[in-house]
Protein backbone atom coordinates (compact mmCIF):
# COMPACT_ATOMS: atom_id res chain seq x y z
CA MET A 1 -16.82 8.33 24.29
CA VAL A 2 -13.28 8.95 23.40
CA VAL A 3 -12.67 10.22 19.86
CA MET A 4 -9.86 8.57 17.93
CA GLN A 5 -8.08 9.57 14.70
CA VAL A 6 -5.85 7.97 12.35
CA VAL A 7 -3.07 10.19 11.26
CA ASP A 8 -1.48 9.76 7.76
CA LEU A 9 2.03 11.43 7.85
CA VAL A 10 4.49 11.90 4.93
CA VAL A 11 7.92 13.36 6.09
CA ARG A 12 11.26 13.74 4.41
CA HIS A 13 14.71 13.51 6.03
CA ASP A 14 18.28 12.32 5.28
CA CYS A 15 17.36 8.63 5.53
CA PRO A 16 19.76 6.02 4.17
CA PHE A 17 16.64 3.86 3.14
CA SER A 18 14.98 6.77 1.29
CA GLU A 19 18.15 7.86 -0.59
CA PRO A 20 18.13 5.00 -3.20
CA LEU A 21 14.60 5.89 -4.20
CA ALA A 22 15.67 9.51 -5.19
CA ARG A 23 16.37 8.45 -8.85
CA ALA A 24 13.78 5.76 -9.07
CA THR A 25 10.82 5.75 -11.38
CA GLY A 26 7.61 3.82 -10.40
CA ALA A 27 9.31 2.27 -7.28
CA ARG A 28 7.89 1.64 -4.01
CA VAL A 29 9.60 0.19 -0.67
CA THR A 30 7.72 -1.01 2.32
CA HIS A 31 9.44 -1.13 5.66
CA LEU A 32 7.89 -4.38 7.15
CA CYS A 33 9.32 -4.18 10.78
CA HIS A 34 10.68 -1.52 13.19
CA ARG A 35 10.77 -3.22 16.66
CA GLY A 36 13.43 -5.89 16.15
CA ASP A 37 17.16 -5.68 15.87
CA GLU A 38 16.73 -6.49 12.04
CA ALA A 39 15.03 -4.50 9.40
CA MET A 40 13.13 -5.97 6.45
CA LEU A 41 12.19 -4.06 3.20
CA GLU A 42 9.99 -5.13 0.42
CA VAL A 43 11.11 -3.60 -2.74
CA HIS A 44 8.72 -3.14 -5.94
CA ALA A 45 8.97 -1.52 -9.39
CA SER A 46 7.32 -1.83 -12.67
CA ASP A 47 10.65 -2.44 -14.28
CA PRO A 48 12.71 -5.26 -12.99
CA SER A 49 15.82 -3.63 -13.79
CA GLU A 50 14.90 -0.99 -11.14
CA VAL A 51 14.40 -3.57 -8.51
CA VAL A 52 17.73 -4.83 -9.28
CA ARG A 53 19.34 -1.46 -9.11
CA LEU A 54 17.79 -0.53 -5.82
CA ALA A 55 18.84 -3.92 -4.31
CA LYS A 56 22.38 -3.17 -5.23
CA GLY A 57 21.93 0.16 -3.55
CA TYR A 58 20.64 -1.33 -0.49
CA SER A 59 23.50 -3.81 -0.42
CA HIS A 60 25.75 -1.05 0.46
CA LEU A 61 23.83 -0.60 3.61
CA GLY A 62 24.07 -4.26 4.56
CA GLY A 63 20.95 -5.47 2.82
CA GLU A 64 20.71 -9.06 1.93
CA THR A 65 18.26 -10.48 -0.59
CA VAL A 66 16.39 -13.25 1.16
CA TYR A 67 13.67 -13.61 -1.68
CA GLU A 68 12.89 -12.36 -5.13
CA GLU A 69 9.96 -12.96 -7.55
CA PRO A 70 10.77 -14.98 -10.40
CA ASP A 71 10.34 -12.19 -12.78
CA ARG A 72 12.37 -9.85 -10.41
CA SER A 73 9.51 -7.48 -10.13
CA ALA A 74 9.82 -7.56 -6.22
CA MET A 75 12.57 -8.47 -3.70
CA LEU A 76 12.58 -8.89 0.16
CA LEU A 77 15.75 -7.51 1.73
CA ARG A 78 16.93 -8.11 5.37
CA PHE A 79 19.24 -5.67 7.23
CA PRO A 80 21.06 -6.30 10.46
CA ALA A 81 19.87 -3.09 11.85
CA CYS A 82 17.20 -0.29 10.83
CA ALA A 83 19.27 2.62 9.52
CA CYS A 84 16.30 4.84 9.32
CA CYS A 85 15.35 4.41 13.00
CA ARG A 86 18.90 5.47 14.02
CA SER A 87 18.93 8.61 11.76
CA GLY A 88 15.16 9.65 11.95
CA ARG A 89 13.66 8.58 15.07
CA VAL A 90 10.14 9.42 13.77
CA ILE A 91 8.33 6.63 15.35
CA PRO A 92 9.69 6.67 18.98
CA THR A 93 9.52 10.57 18.92
CA LEU A 94 5.78 10.66 18.13
CA GLU A 95 4.90 7.64 20.37
CA GLU A 96 6.52 9.61 23.23
CA ARG A 97 3.95 12.33 22.68
CA GLY A 98 1.06 9.62 22.73
CA GLN A 99 0.67 8.65 19.15
CA LEU A 100 0.67 4.94 18.43
CA TYR A 101 2.49 3.81 15.38
CA LEU A 102 0.46 1.49 12.95
CA PRO A 103 2.78 -0.66 10.75
CA PRO A 104 4.13 -0.85 8.11
CA SER A 105 5.56 2.30 6.92
CA SER A 106 6.70 3.04 3.31
CA TYR A 107 9.21 4.95 1.17
CA SER A 108 8.77 6.77 -2.15
CA PRO A 109 10.28 9.47 -4.03
CA GLU A 110 7.75 11.83 -2.28
CA GLY A 111 9.14 10.76 1.25
CA GLU A 112 8.45 8.24 4.07
CA ARG A 113 4.70 7.66 5.04
CA TYR A 114 3.82 6.59 8.45
CA GLN A 115 0.41 6.18 10.03
CA PHE A 116 -0.47 6.65 13.73
CA LEU A 117 -3.43 6.36 16.09
CA VAL A 118 -4.07 9.47 18.20
CA GLN A 119 -6.74 10.49 20.69
CA GLY A 120 -8.81 13.60 20.03
CA GLU A 121 -11.18 15.34 17.58
CA ARG A 122 -8.45 16.93 15.55
CA LEU A 123 -4.84 16.75 15.09
CA GLU A 124 -2.63 19.18 16.94
CA PRO A 125 -1.89 22.05 14.40
CA ARG A 126 1.74 22.25 15.33
CA VAL A 127 2.63 18.67 14.41
CA ALA A 128 5.59 19.75 12.50
CA GLU A 129 7.08 21.17 15.59
CA ARG A 130 6.77 17.78 17.30
CA LEU A 131 8.97 16.02 14.72
CA PRO A 132 12.61 15.25 15.49
CA PRO A 133 15.37 17.98 14.21
CA GLY A 134 16.08 17.45 10.59
CA VAL A 135 12.79 15.84 9.70
CA THR A 136 10.59 17.92 7.33
CA LEU A 137 6.74 17.47 7.05
CA VAL A 138 5.60 17.00 3.47
CA ARG A 139 1.96 16.44 4.31
CA VAL A 140 -0.49 15.35 6.96
CA GLY A 141 -3.95 14.01 7.03
CA THR A 142 -6.49 12.53 9.41
CA ARG A 143 -9.64 10.36 9.16
CA PRO A 144 -11.84 9.40 12.10
CA LEU A 145 -11.61 5.74 13.44
CA THR A 146 -15.05 4.59 12.84
CA SER A 147 -14.75 0.93 13.04
CA LEU A 148 -12.12 -1.66 14.58
CA GLU A 149 -10.50 -2.50 11.39
CA PHE A 150 -6.87 -3.06 12.52
CA GLU A 151 -7.31 -6.91 12.97
CA GLY A 152 -8.19 -7.54 9.36
CA SER A 153 -5.69 -4.96 7.97
CA PHE A 154 -2.58 -7.15 8.64
CA LEU A 155 -3.95 -10.35 7.08
CA VAL A 156 -3.66 -9.79 3.29
CA PRO A 157 -1.06 -8.38 1.09
CA VAL A 158 -2.67 -6.08 -1.38
CA GLY A 159 -0.38 -7.63 -4.20
CA THR A 160 -2.06 -11.00 -3.74
CA PHE A 161 -5.10 -9.59 -5.52
CA PHE A 162 -3.53 -8.08 -8.45
CA ARG A 163 -0.33 -10.22 -9.15
CA ASP A 164 -2.04 -12.49 -11.81
CA LEU A 165 -3.61 -9.50 -13.78
CA THR A 166 -2.04 -8.65 -16.95
CA ASP A 167 -1.37 -4.95 -17.77
CA ARG A 168 -4.14 -5.00 -20.23
CA GLN A 169 -6.63 -6.50 -17.74
CA ARG A 170 -5.67 -4.04 -15.03
CA GLN A 171 -6.09 -1.06 -17.39
CA ALA A 172 -9.54 -2.33 -18.50
CA LEU A 173 -10.78 -2.54 -14.73
CA LEU A 174 -9.31 0.87 -14.01
CA THR A 175 -10.84 2.51 -16.96
CA ALA A 176 -14.20 0.67 -16.30
CA ILE A 177 -14.09 1.97 -12.60
CA LEU A 178 -13.11 5.61 -13.47
CA ARG A 179 -15.68 5.85 -16.22
CA GLY A 180 -18.49 4.62 -14.05
CA TYR A 181 -19.12 1.25 -15.50
CA TYR A 182 -19.69 -0.26 -12.09
CA ARG A 183 -22.06 2.57 -10.78
CA ILE A 184 -25.85 1.89 -10.29
CA PRO A 185 -27.08 2.79 -12.78
CA ARG A 186 -24.08 2.50 -15.07
CA ALA A 187 -22.66 5.84 -16.47
CA VAL A 188 -21.05 4.27 -19.37
CA ALA A 189 -21.82 1.22 -21.72
CA SER A 190 -19.21 -1.41 -22.49
CA GLU A 191 -19.52 -0.41 -26.08
CA GLU A 192 -17.99 3.02 -25.44
CA LEU A 193 -15.17 1.40 -23.32
CA ALA A 194 -14.40 -1.05 -26.15
CA ARG A 195 -13.98 1.93 -28.60
CA ALA A 196 -11.62 3.60 -26.10
CA PHE A 197 -9.54 0.44 -26.20
CA GLY A 198 -9.62 0.08 -30.11
CA ILE A 199 -11.40 -3.43 -29.69
CA SER A 200 -14.85 -5.01 -30.33
CA ARG A 201 -17.54 -5.01 -27.43
CA PRO A 202 -17.26 -8.76 -27.12
CA ALA A 203 -13.57 -8.57 -26.88
CA PHE A 204 -13.71 -6.01 -24.21
CA ASP A 205 -16.13 -7.74 -22.28
CA ALA A 206 -14.13 -10.92 -22.27
CA LEU A 207 -11.15 -8.93 -21.14
CA LEU A 208 -13.12 -7.48 -18.18
CA ARG A 209 -14.60 -10.71 -17.31
CA LYS A 210 -10.97 -12.45 -17.18
CA ALA A 211 -9.81 -9.64 -14.93
CA GLU A 212 -12.94 -10.02 -12.57
CA SER A 213 -12.47 -13.74 -12.64
CA LYS A 214 -9.00 -13.45 -11.39
CA LEU A 215 -9.79 -10.93 -8.68
CA ALA A 216 -12.83 -13.11 -7.44
CA THR A 217 -10.46 -16.21 -7.24
CA ALA A 218 -7.80 -14.21 -5.28
CA LEU A 219 -10.39 -12.89 -2.86
CA PHE A 220 -12.16 -16.33 -2.14
CA PRO A 221 -9.66 -17.66 0.40
CA TYR A 222 -10.37 -14.46 2.52
CA LEU A 223 -14.00 -14.55 2.30
CA THR A 224 -14.14 -17.50 4.61
CA VAL A 225 -12.42 -15.63 7.54
CA GLN A 226 -14.20 -14.10 10.44
CA GLY A 227 -17.46 -15.76 9.80
CA LEU A 228 -17.74 -14.74 6.17
CA GLY A 229 -17.79 -18.25 4.66
CA PRO A 230 -20.67 -19.66 2.74
CA SER A 231 -23.88 -19.75 4.57
CA ARG A 232 -26.63 -22.47 4.45
CA THR A 233 -29.11 -19.63 4.30
CA PRO A 234 -29.30 -17.93 0.87
CA PRO A 235 -28.26 -14.25 1.22
CA THR A 236 -30.90 -11.56 1.22
CA GLU A 237 -30.94 -9.72 -2.09
CA GLU A 238 -30.35 -6.05 -1.72
CA PRO A 239 -32.59 -3.54 -3.44
């Protein structure tokens, strides 16, 4: 059987789409399409003023705002052409060498992140030499392809699950996960987590339940796809 690997690649080069992020804090930009004549960027930041600043920077490259969240935490920008493809040619260069590009790509202050599907048990060690001139390798990693996951990977925007969470609810969930609250058996009790938040145990439990409820509600529509809907037969309880 042929062995396949998913390659996670972060590079840096003189890219017009990356340049506005050099001074950004807590911002991320996703490049939604590479194949057509137009380009679409999805811009997010924790500070709405940062999103507005980035949108103004991208307007000088021909970017037009076609959608924005009511609180301006995110914007969708359309460009008449892909400025990054013209200057970097990362995708076509690597695909010419047998690596299949897996969209989307993204931009951050660290660099540009791409994923490719390659054949073989390990990545060629001289991957940096295969990059176009002027493109610097920041980091590269691989993981084996162990399941056919691509069909589902394009269905659900991750932000769909978290957009209704408050900062406090998100922090409660993150703290609970990192401290081992959801391990079996639990590594920490809710009383200890409540003390870390400076609130009572009932208040922390309510905070966590609200966060869990919002996540479950956001997940529900997607549990019915690909045969995962409600079954007439009660599920078997795991040990």
